[in-house]
Structure formats: C-alpha cells, structure tokens
Amino acid sequence: MWDPQAYLDYGELRARPFRELVARVGAERPRRVVDVGCGPGTLTAELARRWPEARLEAFDNSPEMVAAARERGVAARLCDVSDWRPEPDTDVVVSNAVLQWVPGHEELLRRWVGELPGGAWLAVQVPGNMEAPSHRIVRELAASEPWAHRLRDVRLRGVDAVYEPLDYAELLADLGCEVDAWETTYVQRLTGENAVLEWVTGTALRPIAAALDHEEWQGFRRDLAPLLDEAYPPRRDGTTWFPFRRIFVVARTPA
C-alpha cells in the first residue's frame, strides 16, 4: 500500500529529477502525453502545463495514489505498468521512478519502443542507489532475526533492480532510438528526526510496511532508525546529508 502523504513529505526533492528528465524531452506539440505511474498527480499537472494542447493520460497501480491524483483534478486511472499499451497517438511517455519496481523491465522498454509511433519520446528515470547504505541496511535487517521469518516472502529491490546508464543506452540504441542517458547524484539535505528513515518509508519500505501489522511495523522502524542514523549521521543543526543517485534516459523512437 502506498501512502501519498509519506511520499509527498519530500515533494520538492522528489520533483527535481522529474523536472530535469522532462526538460530533455524535445517534443513541441505532442498529441498524447502519458504519465506512467503518476502517483498522487502533483507532477502530472506539470506535464499539462508544459503541453497544454496534448491529451493527458495518467495511471498508477495504487488505488490510494489514483484517489489522491483524482482529488487534485487529474483524470488518473488504475492500471499496472506491465499491462499498459500506448495508444496510436502517444507522442510522449514519462516514467518517473517506476520501472525499478518491474523485474526485467528491459522487455517492457522493448515492447514500448515497438508499439510507439515513429518519433515518439520515451523519458525514464529510476533510482540508482540500490547499493547505498540506505537500501543495503534495510535488506540486511529484513534478512536478520527476528524479521527474516516474517519477511521471507517480501521482495525487496536489490542491486539488480535497475541497470546502468550505458546498459539502457545500448538497449535503446540497438532498437534504432536516438538516446540521451546520464546519471546524477543529488546531495540532499533532509530535515527532522530520523530523516533518512522517513524518506525510505515513502518508497523503499513500502513492501515491508504492507507485510507487517501495525505493532510489527513500528518495531521494524525502531530497529532500523539507529542503523540509518549511524550510516547518515545527523548534523548539529538537525539536518542530514543524504546522497541519492538517479539514472536518466531520454530516447526518441526511429521515424
């Protein structure tokens, strides 16, 4: 279950990669723009402002996120990313921090390129921090007692959840696309107590939260908080530096 409010607690920091991704899309007057995994709809509205004449399509596989998007006036629908197929007039597809949840998503990218019209734009951003302490510590704690038995069926994102920028570039170039691929590490300054814990609560910890009851979930958070604070020591002013690597790919399908 996704918690839209937890996700939005660091809304501006999460929005920056989206904006930098979309800024590299050169479409001028697209017919249809699709927000794949629109979340609570806050960034979908930015697509509408960028391309006001386009038909805007938005979907997410979380009922909570779809409801939050609709409350913001976004006509979002419930759909799983693996089931989505582009309409013939789709000229721009934006997938922001979604495909890391889809195992083997290179096949999905191949299918999209084959189904999109010639000259369409495909813009993808995924977190590239699966080897960072924030994620490694979560995996290690989940695999330790007393949590290993309770969480044995929970799939956590590992280092193989995403590929390197060069891998994405080669994949899409081999399909005939023009490709722009890059990576950025944002040195984010978080505020508040247990800042990194609160950040990962809105994303990486979602499968664990869904698998545990309330008391167990609070216990897992209590065990995790000091480990994250040790890896990311809070400063005297109450802020915490949290480096976060992200991977970007913008491709244009062959005409």
C-alpha atoms as a PDB file:
ATOM      1  CA  MET A   1       0.000   0.000   0.000  1.00  0.00           C
ATOM      2  CA  TRP A   2       1.291   3.420  -0.952  1.00  0.00           C
ATOM      3  CA  ASP A   3       0.905   6.362   1.440  1.00  0.00           C
ATOM      4  CA  PRO A   4       0.562   9.516  -0.692  1.00  0.00           C
ATOM      5  CA  GLN A   5       1.341  11.799   2.254  1.00  0.00           C
ATOM      6  CA  ALA A   6       4.545   9.958   3.169  1.00  0.00           C
ATOM      7  CA  TYR A   7       5.599  10.186  -0.470  1.00  0.00           C
ATOM      8  CA  LEU A   8       4.908  13.924  -0.570  1.00  0.00           C
ATOM      9  CA  ASP A   9       6.767  14.747   2.651  1.00  0.00           C
ATOM     10  CA  TYR A  10       9.825  15.452   0.492  1.00  0.00           C
ATOM     11  CA  GLY A  11       7.846  16.545  -2.536  1.00  0.00           C
ATOM     12  CA  GLU A  12      10.271  19.144  -3.853  1.00  0.00           C
ATOM     13  CA  LEU A  13      13.275  16.832  -3.626  1.00  0.00           C
ATOM     14  CA  ARG A  14      11.358  14.100  -5.451  1.00  0.00           C
ATOM     15  CA  ALA A  15      10.147  16.587  -8.072  1.00  0.00           C
ATOM     16  CA  ARG A  16      13.593  17.820  -9.110  1.00  0.00           C
ATOM     17  CA  PRO A  17      14.611  14.657 -11.045  1.00  0.00           C
ATOM     18  CA  PHE A  18      11.224  14.639 -12.787  1.00  0.00           C
ATOM     19  CA  ARG A  19      11.693  18.209 -13.960  1.00  0.00           C
ATOM     20  CA  GLU A  20      15.232  17.591 -15.150  1.00  0.00           C
ATOM     21  CA  LEU A  21      14.060  14.497 -17.017  1.00  0.00           C
ATOM     22  CA  VAL A  22      11.169  16.232 -18.776  1.00  0.00           C
ATOM     23  CA  ALA A  23      13.356  19.219 -19.641  1.00  0.00           C
ATOM     24  CA  ARG A  24      15.341  16.963 -22.007  1.00  0.00           C
ATOM     25  CA  VAL A  25      12.235  15.937 -23.952  1.00  0.00           C
ATOM     26  CA  GLY A  26      12.143  17.939 -27.168  1.00  0.00           C
ATOM     27  CA  ALA A  27       8.521  17.364 -28.175  1.00  0.00           C
ATOM     28  CA  GLU A  28       6.839  20.599 -29.216  1.00  0.00           C
ATOM     29  CA  ARG A  29       3.185  19.729 -29.885  1.00  0.00           C
ATOM     30  CA  PRO A  30       2.603  16.114 -28.856  1.00  0.00           C
ATOM     31  CA  ARG A  31      -0.837  14.639 -29.422  1.00  0.00           C
ATOM     32  CA  ARG A  32      -0.875  12.475 -26.288  1.00  0.00           C
ATOM     33  CA  VAL A  33       1.360  12.621 -23.206  1.00  0.00           C
ATOM     34  CA  VAL A  34       1.348   9.689 -20.774  1.00  0.00           C
ATOM     35  CA  ASP A  35       2.404   9.779 -17.120  1.00  0.00           C
ATOM     36  CA  VAL A  36       3.305   6.168 -16.296  1.00  0.00           C
ATOM     37  CA  GLY A  37       2.916   5.661 -12.554  1.00  0.00           C
ATOM     38  CA  CYS A  38       1.509   9.106 -11.873  1.00  0.00           C
ATOM     39  CA  GLY A  39       1.473   8.764  -8.082  1.00  0.00           C
ATOM     40  CA  PRO A  40      -0.540  11.492  -6.345  1.00  0.00           C
ATOM     41  CA  GLY A  41      -0.710  13.574  -9.520  1.00  0.00           C
ATOM     42  CA  THR A  42       1.354  16.546  -8.390  1.00  0.00           C
ATOM     43  CA  LEU A  43       3.836  16.173 -11.245  1.00  0.00           C
ATOM     44  CA  THR A  44       1.226  15.142 -13.812  1.00  0.00           C
ATOM     45  CA  ALA A  45      -0.063  18.701 -13.573  1.00  0.00           C
ATOM     46  CA  GLU A  46       3.351  19.931 -14.698  1.00  0.00           C
ATOM     47  CA  LEU A  47       3.027  17.873 -17.878  1.00  0.00           C
ATOM     48  CA  ALA A  48      -0.316  19.535 -18.534  1.00  0.00           C
ATOM     49  CA  ARG A  49       1.290  22.954 -18.166  1.00  0.00           C
ATOM     50  CA  ARG A  50       4.210  22.007 -20.431  1.00  0.00           C
ATOM     51  CA  TRP A  51       1.940  20.672 -23.205  1.00  0.00           C
ATOM     52  CA  PRO A  52      -1.498  22.274 -22.695  1.00  0.00           C
ATOM     53  CA  GLU A  53      -2.849  21.119 -26.080  1.00  0.00           C
ATOM     54  CA  ALA A  54      -1.976  17.460 -25.594  1.00  0.00           C
ATOM     55  CA  ARG A  55      -4.339  14.765 -24.416  1.00  0.00           C
ATOM     56  CA  LEU A  56      -3.026  13.799 -20.989  1.00  0.00           C
ATOM     57  CA  GLU A  57      -3.156  10.158 -19.868  1.00  0.00           C
ATOM     58  CA  ALA A  58      -2.185   9.181 -16.318  1.00  0.00           C
ATOM     59  CA  PHE A  59      -2.313   5.899 -14.432  1.00  0.00           C
ATOM     60  CA  ASP A  60      -0.939   4.135 -11.380  1.00  0.00           C
ATOM     61  CA  ASN A  61      -1.323   0.662  -9.872  1.00  0.00           C
ATOM     62  CA  SER A  62      -2.034   2.047  -6.392  1.00  0.00           C
ATOM     63  CA  PRO A  63      -5.688   2.821  -5.578  1.00  0.00           C
ATOM     64  CA  GLU A  64      -4.502   5.267  -2.899  1.00  0.00           C
ATOM     65  CA  MET A  65      -2.339   7.175  -5.370  1.00  0.00           C
ATOM     66  CA  VAL A  66      -5.067   7.214  -8.026  1.00  0.00           C
ATOM     67  CA  ALA A  67      -7.525   8.591  -5.474  1.00  0.00           C
ATOM     68  CA  ALA A  68      -5.054  11.292  -4.435  1.00  0.00           C
ATOM     69  CA  ALA A  69      -4.438  12.248  -8.072  1.00  0.00           C
ATOM     70  CA  ARG A  70      -8.155  12.497  -8.764  1.00  0.00           C
ATOM     71  CA  GLU A  71      -8.556  14.770  -5.757  1.00  0.00           C
ATOM     72  CA  ARG A  72      -6.080  17.095  -7.480  1.00  0.00           C
ATOM     73  CA  GLY A  73      -8.145  17.111 -10.650  1.00  0.00           C
ATOM     74  CA  VAL A  74      -6.044  14.590 -12.586  1.00  0.00           C
ATOM     75  CA  ALA A  75      -8.122  12.074 -14.547  1.00  0.00           C
ATOM     76  CA  ALA A  76      -5.983   9.161 -13.388  1.00  0.00           C
ATOM     77  CA  ARG A  77      -6.980   5.536 -13.755  1.00  0.00           C
ATOM     78  CA  LEU A  78      -5.939   2.288 -12.114  1.00  0.00           C
ATOM     79  CA  CYS A  79      -3.578   0.249 -14.302  1.00  0.00           C
ATOM     80  CA  ASP A  80      -0.459  -1.859 -13.864  1.00  0.00           C
ATOM     81  CA  VAL A  81       2.544  -0.644 -15.815  1.00  0.00           C
ATOM     82  CA  SER A  82       3.156  -4.123 -17.240  1.00  0.00           C
ATOM     83  CA  ASP A  83      -0.352  -4.167 -18.739  1.00  0.00           C
ATOM     84  CA  TRP A  84      -0.286  -0.697 -20.284  1.00  0.00           C
ATOM     85  CA  ARG A  85      -0.062  -0.349 -24.057  1.00  0.00           C
ATOM     86  CA  PRO A  86       0.325   3.014 -25.817  1.00  0.00           C
ATOM     87  CA  GLU A  87      -2.455   4.430 -27.957  1.00  0.00           C
ATOM     88  CA  PRO A  88      -1.511   5.109 -31.604  1.00  0.00           C
ATOM     89  CA  ASP A  89      -1.270   8.869 -30.973  1.00  0.00           C
ATOM     90  CA  THR A  90       1.122   8.621 -27.994  1.00  0.00           C
ATOM     91  CA  ASP A  91       3.998  11.019 -28.634  1.00  0.00           C
ATOM     92  CA  VAL A  92       5.489  11.349 -25.133  1.00  0.00           C
ATOM     93  CA  VAL A  93       5.815   8.721 -22.394  1.00  0.00           C
ATOM     94  CA  VAL A  94       7.198   9.734 -18.991  1.00  0.00           C
ATOM     95  CA  SER A  95       8.110   7.050 -16.477  1.00  0.00           C
ATOM     96  CA  ASN A  96       9.480   8.656 -13.323  1.00  0.00           C
ATOM     97  CA  ALA A  97      10.756   6.360 -10.531  1.00  0.00           C
ATOM     98  CA  VAL A  98       8.551   3.442 -11.604  1.00  0.00           C
ATOM     99  CA  LEU A  99      10.477   0.797 -13.517  1.00  0.00           C
ATOM    100  CA  GLN A 100      12.675  -0.159 -10.545  1.00  0.00           C
ATOM    101  CA  TRP A 101       9.572  -1.982  -9.277  1.00  0.00           C
ATOM    102  CA  VAL A 102       9.243  -4.011 -12.508  1.00  0.00           C
ATOM    103  CA  PRO A 103      11.564  -7.043 -12.745  1.00  0.00           C
ATOM    104  CA  GLY A 104      13.002  -7.489 -16.211  1.00  0.00           C
ATOM    105  CA  HIS A 105      11.715  -4.133 -17.390  1.00  0.00           C
ATOM    106  CA  GLU A 106      14.063  -4.172 -20.372  1.00  0.00           C
ATOM    107  CA  GLU A 107      11.433  -6.294 -22.128  1.00  0.00           C
ATOM    108  CA  LEU A 108       8.835  -3.667 -21.317  1.00  0.00           C
ATOM    109  CA  LEU A 109      11.031  -0.968 -22.869  1.00  0.00           C
ATOM    110  CA  ARG A 110      11.485  -3.064 -25.996  1.00  0.00           C
ATOM    111  CA  ARG A 111       7.732  -3.503 -26.332  1.00  0.00           C
ATOM    112  CA  TRP A 112       7.028   0.179 -25.823  1.00  0.00           C
ATOM    113  CA  VAL A 113       9.540   1.195 -28.485  1.00  0.00           C
ATOM    114  CA  GLY A 114       7.927  -1.246 -30.891  1.00  0.00           C
ATOM    115  CA  GLU A 115       4.406  -0.006 -30.186  1.00  0.00           C
ATOM    116  CA  LEU A 116       5.043   3.746 -30.072  1.00  0.00           C
ATOM    117  CA  PRO A 117       4.768   5.784 -33.282  1.00  0.00           C
ATOM    118  CA  GLY A 118       7.903   6.915 -35.060  1.00  0.00           C
ATOM    119  CA  GLY A 119       9.489   9.976 -33.475  1.00  0.00           C
ATOM    120  CA  ALA A 120       7.835   9.467 -30.080  1.00  0.00           C
ATOM    121  CA  TRP A 121       9.724  10.406 -26.933  1.00  0.00           C
ATOM    122  CA  LEU A 122      10.344   7.981 -24.059  1.00  0.00           C
ATOM    123  CA  ALA A 123      11.671   9.515 -20.833  1.00  0.00           C
ATOM    124  CA  VAL A 124      12.657   7.262 -17.922  1.00  0.00           C
ATOM    125  CA  GLN A 125      14.134   7.987 -14.506  1.00  0.00           C
ATOM    126  CA  VAL A 126      14.992   5.306 -11.943  1.00  0.00           C
ATOM    127  CA  PRO A 127      16.836   5.496  -8.621  1.00  0.00           C
ATOM    128  CA  GLY A 128      20.375   4.170  -8.896  1.00  0.00           C
ATOM    129  CA  ASN A 129      21.097   3.850  -5.185  1.00  0.00           C
ATOM    130  CA  MET A 130      20.375   0.164  -4.565  1.00  0.00           C
ATOM    131  CA  GLU A 131      23.918  -0.337  -3.270  1.00  0.00           C
ATOM    132  CA  ALA A 132      23.739   2.702  -0.975  1.00  0.00           C
ATOM    133  CA  PRO A 133      23.712   2.174   2.825  1.00  0.00           C
ATOM    134  CA  SER A 134      20.043   3.187   2.992  1.00  0.00           C
ATOM    135  CA  HIS A 135      18.990   0.173   0.920  1.00  0.00           C
ATOM    136  CA  ARG A 136      21.690  -2.273   1.964  1.00  0.00           C
ATOM    137  CA  ILE A 137      20.855  -1.795   5.647  1.00  0.00           C
ATOM    138  CA  VAL A 138      17.159  -2.385   5.009  1.00  0.00           C
ATOM    139  CA  ARG A 139      17.914  -5.652   3.194  1.00  0.00           C
ATOM    140  CA  GLU A 140      20.296  -6.805   5.929  1.00  0.00           C
ATOM    141  CA  LEU A 141      17.821  -6.033   8.707  1.00  0.00           C
ATOM    142  CA  ALA A 142      14.981  -7.769   6.872  1.00  0.00           C
ATOM    143  CA  ALA A 143      17.176 -10.859   6.495  1.00  0.00           C
ATOM    144  CA  SER A 144      18.116 -10.963  10.195  1.00  0.00           C
ATOM    145  CA  GLU A 145      16.230 -12.325  13.167  1.00  0.00           C
ATOM    146  CA  PRO A 146      13.540 -11.782  14.254  1.00  0.00           C
ATOM    147  CA  TRP A 147      12.468 -10.323  10.885  1.00  0.00           C
ATOM    148  CA  ALA A 148      13.728 -12.950   8.449  1.00  0.00           C
ATOM    149  CA  HIS A 149      10.874 -15.385   9.088  1.00  0.00           C
ATOM    150  CA  ARG A 150       8.196 -12.702   8.988  1.00  0.00           C
ATOM    151  CA  LEU A 151       9.542 -11.097   5.801  1.00  0.00           C
ATOM    152  CA  ARG A 152      10.743 -14.163   3.911  1.00  0.00           C
ATOM    153  CA  ASP A 153       8.171 -13.678   1.120  1.00  0.00           C
ATOM    154  CA  VAL A 154       8.752  -9.926   0.726  1.00  0.00           C
ATOM    155  CA  ARG A 155      10.629  -8.913  -2.405  1.00  0.00           C
ATOM    156  CA  LEU A 156      12.972  -6.015  -1.744  1.00  0.00           C
ATOM    157  CA  ARG A 157      14.751  -4.202  -4.507  1.00  0.00           C
ATOM    158  CA  GLY A 158      18.313  -5.421  -4.836  1.00  0.00           C
ATOM    159  CA  VAL A 159      21.282  -4.229  -6.843  1.00  0.00           C
ATOM    160  CA  ASP A 160      19.787  -5.859  -9.954  1.00  0.00           C
ATOM    161  CA  ALA A 161      16.570  -3.818  -9.826  1.00  0.00           C
ATOM    162  CA  VAL A 162      17.885  -1.292 -12.352  1.00  0.00           C
ATOM    163  CA  TYR A 163      20.634  -1.152 -14.966  1.00  0.00           C
ATOM    164  CA  GLU A 164      23.493   1.238 -15.570  1.00  0.00           C
ATOM    165  CA  PRO A 165      23.056   4.239 -17.890  1.00  0.00           C
ATOM    166  CA  LEU A 166      25.205   2.562 -20.554  1.00  0.00           C
ATOM    167  CA  ASP A 167      23.005  -0.557 -20.435  1.00  0.00           C
ATOM    168  CA  TYR A 168      19.876   1.475 -21.091  1.00  0.00           C
ATOM    169  CA  ALA A 169      21.628   3.458 -23.816  1.00  0.00           C
ATOM    170  CA  GLU A 170      22.781   0.326 -25.626  1.00  0.00           C
ATOM    171  CA  LEU A 171      19.386  -1.355 -25.281  1.00  0.00           C
ATOM    172  CA  LEU A 172      17.513   1.550 -26.826  1.00  0.00           C
ATOM    173  CA  ALA A 173      20.143   2.377 -29.434  1.00  0.00           C
ATOM    174  CA  ASP A 174      20.028  -1.231 -30.641  1.00  0.00           C
ATOM    175  CA  LEU A 175      16.307  -0.670 -31.234  1.00  0.00           C
ATOM    176  CA  GLY A 176      17.097   2.266 -33.503  1.00  0.00           C
ATOM    177  CA  CYS A 177      16.378   5.047 -30.996  1.00  0.00           C
ATOM    178  CA  GLU A 178      18.242   8.290 -30.526  1.00  0.00           C
ATOM    179  CA  VAL A 179      19.351   8.109 -26.892  1.00  0.00           C
ATOM    180  CA  ASP A 180      20.470  10.533 -24.192  1.00  0.00           C
ATOM    181  CA  ALA A 181      21.463   8.740 -20.968  1.00  0.00           C
ATOM    182  CA  TRP A 182      23.069  10.177 -17.849  1.00  0.00           C
ATOM    183  CA  GLU A 183      23.227   9.945 -14.069  1.00  0.00           C
ATOM    184  CA  THR A 184      23.154  12.473 -11.248  1.00  0.00           C
ATOM    185  CA  THR A 185      23.895  12.133  -7.555  1.00  0.00           C
ATOM    186  CA  TYR A 186      21.858  14.621  -5.567  1.00  0.00           C
ATOM    187  CA  VAL A 187      23.358  15.506  -2.184  1.00  0.00           C
ATOM    188  CA  GLN A 188      20.045  16.079  -0.451  1.00  0.00           C
ATOM    189  CA  ARG A 189      19.762  17.905   2.859  1.00  0.00           C
ATOM    190  CA  LEU A 190      16.941  16.344   4.850  1.00  0.00           C
ATOM    191  CA  THR A 191      15.418  17.847   7.972  1.00  0.00           C
ATOM    192  CA  GLY A 192      13.883  16.399  11.106  1.00  0.00           C
ATOM    193  CA  GLU A 193      14.427  13.401  13.352  1.00  0.00           C
ATOM    194  CA  ASN A 194      15.214  10.058  11.668  1.00  0.00           C
ATOM    195  CA  ALA A 195      15.231  11.885   8.347  1.00  0.00           C
ATOM    196  CA  VAL A 196      16.522   9.049   6.171  1.00  0.00           C
ATOM    197  CA  LEU A 197      14.075   6.620   7.778  1.00  0.00           C
ATOM    198  CA  GLU A 198      11.203   8.943   6.916  1.00  0.00           C
ATOM    199  CA  TRP A 199      12.472   9.239   3.335  1.00  0.00           C
ATOM    200  CA  VAL A 200      12.661   5.486   2.705  1.00  0.00           C
ATOM    201  CA  THR A 201       9.319   4.970   4.456  1.00  0.00           C
ATOM    202  CA  GLY A 202       7.647   6.661   1.486  1.00  0.00           C
ATOM    203  CA  THR A 203       9.272   4.346  -1.081  1.00  0.00           C
ATOM    204  CA  ALA A 204      11.712   1.501  -0.343  1.00  0.00           C
ATOM    205  CA  LEU A 205       9.992   0.344   2.863  1.00  0.00           C
ATOM    206  CA  ARG A 206       6.553   0.088   1.284  1.00  0.00           C
ATOM    207  CA  PRO A 207       6.691  -3.728   0.762  1.00  0.00           C
ATOM    208  CA  ILE A 208       7.782  -4.239   4.372  1.00  0.00           C
ATOM    209  CA  ALA A 209       5.061  -1.982   5.749  1.00  0.00           C
ATOM    210  CA  ALA A 210       2.465  -3.895   3.717  1.00  0.00           C
ATOM    211  CA  ALA A 211       3.664  -7.258   5.104  1.00  0.00           C
ATOM    212  CA  LEU A 212       3.656  -6.346   8.797  1.00  0.00           C
ATOM    213  CA  ASP A 213       0.888  -5.463  11.213  1.00  0.00           C
ATOM    214  CA  HIS A 214       0.989  -2.111  13.000  1.00  0.00           C
ATOM    215  CA  GLU A 215       2.997  -3.234  16.024  1.00  0.00           C
ATOM    216  CA  GLU A 216       5.484  -5.186  13.918  1.00  0.00           C
ATOM    217  CA  TRP A 217       5.918  -2.254  11.557  1.00  0.00           C
ATOM    218  CA  GLN A 218       6.684   0.085  14.449  1.00  0.00           C
ATOM    219  CA  GLY A 219       9.169  -2.469  15.793  1.00  0.00           C
ATOM    220  CA  PHE A 220      10.945  -2.698  12.437  1.00  0.00           C
ATOM    221  CA  ARG A 221      11.184   1.089  12.290  1.00  0.00           C
ATOM    222  CA  ARG A 222      12.631   1.188  15.818  1.00  0.00           C
ATOM    223  CA  ASP A 223      15.295  -1.341  14.824  1.00  0.00           C
ATOM    224  CA  LEU A 224      16.092   0.454  11.591  1.00  0.00           C
ATOM    225  CA  ALA A 225      16.281   4.054  12.836  1.00  0.00           C
ATOM    226  CA  PRO A 226      19.630   3.852  14.731  1.00  0.00           C
ATOM    227  CA  LEU A 227      21.251   1.897  11.882  1.00  0.00           C
ATOM    228  CA  LEU A 228      20.340   4.600   9.378  1.00  0.00           C
ATOM    229  CA  ASP A 229      21.392   7.376  11.749  1.00  0.00           C
ATOM    230  CA  GLU A 230      24.777   5.692  12.105  1.00  0.00           C
ATOM    231  CA  ALA A 231      25.185   5.494   8.329  1.00  0.00           C
ATOM    232  CA  TYR A 232      23.883   9.037   7.806  1.00  0.00           C
ATOM    233  CA  PRO A 233      24.814  11.000  10.962  1.00  0.00           C
ATOM    234  CA  PRO A 234      22.547  13.949  11.703  1.00  0.00           C
ATOM    235  CA  ARG A 235      24.297  17.320  11.871  1.00  0.00           C
ATOM    236  CA  ARG A 236      24.238  19.588  14.889  1.00  0.00           C
ATOM    237  CA  ASP A 237      21.692  21.809  13.161  1.00  0.00           C
ATOM    238  CA  GLY A 238      19.253  18.888  12.891  1.00  0.00           C
ATOM    239  CA  THR A 239      19.714  18.256   9.164  1.00  0.00           C
ATOM    240  CA  THR A 240      21.097  15.149   7.481  1.00  0.00           C
ATOM    241  CA  TRP A 241      23.046  14.793   4.222  1.00  0.00           C
ATOM    242  CA  PHE A 242      21.563  12.034   2.059  1.00  0.00           C
ATOM    243  CA  PRO A 243      23.310  11.384  -1.271  1.00  0.00           C
ATOM    244  CA  PHE A 244      20.908   9.908  -3.815  1.00  0.00           C
ATOM    245  CA  ARG A 245      21.974   8.646  -7.248  1.00  0.00           C
ATOM    246  CA  ARG A 246      19.462   8.662 -10.094  1.00  0.00           C
ATOM    247  CA  ILE A 247      19.643   7.337 -13.650  1.00  0.00           C
ATOM    248  CA  PHE A 248      18.012   9.115 -16.596  1.00  0.00           C
ATOM    249  CA  VAL A 249      17.264   8.018 -20.157  1.00  0.00           C
ATOM    250  CA  VAL A 250      15.518  10.008 -22.869  1.00  0.00           C
ATOM    251  CA  ALA A 251      15.035   8.199 -26.169  1.00  0.00           C
ATOM    252  CA  ARG A 252      13.287   9.007 -29.434  1.00  0.00           C
ATOM    253  CA  THR A 253      11.857   6.156 -31.438  1.00  0.00           C
ATOM    254  CA  PRO A 254      13.020   5.690 -35.031  1.00  0.00           C
ATOM    255  CA  ALA A 255      10.962   7.564 -37.598  1.00  0.00           C
END
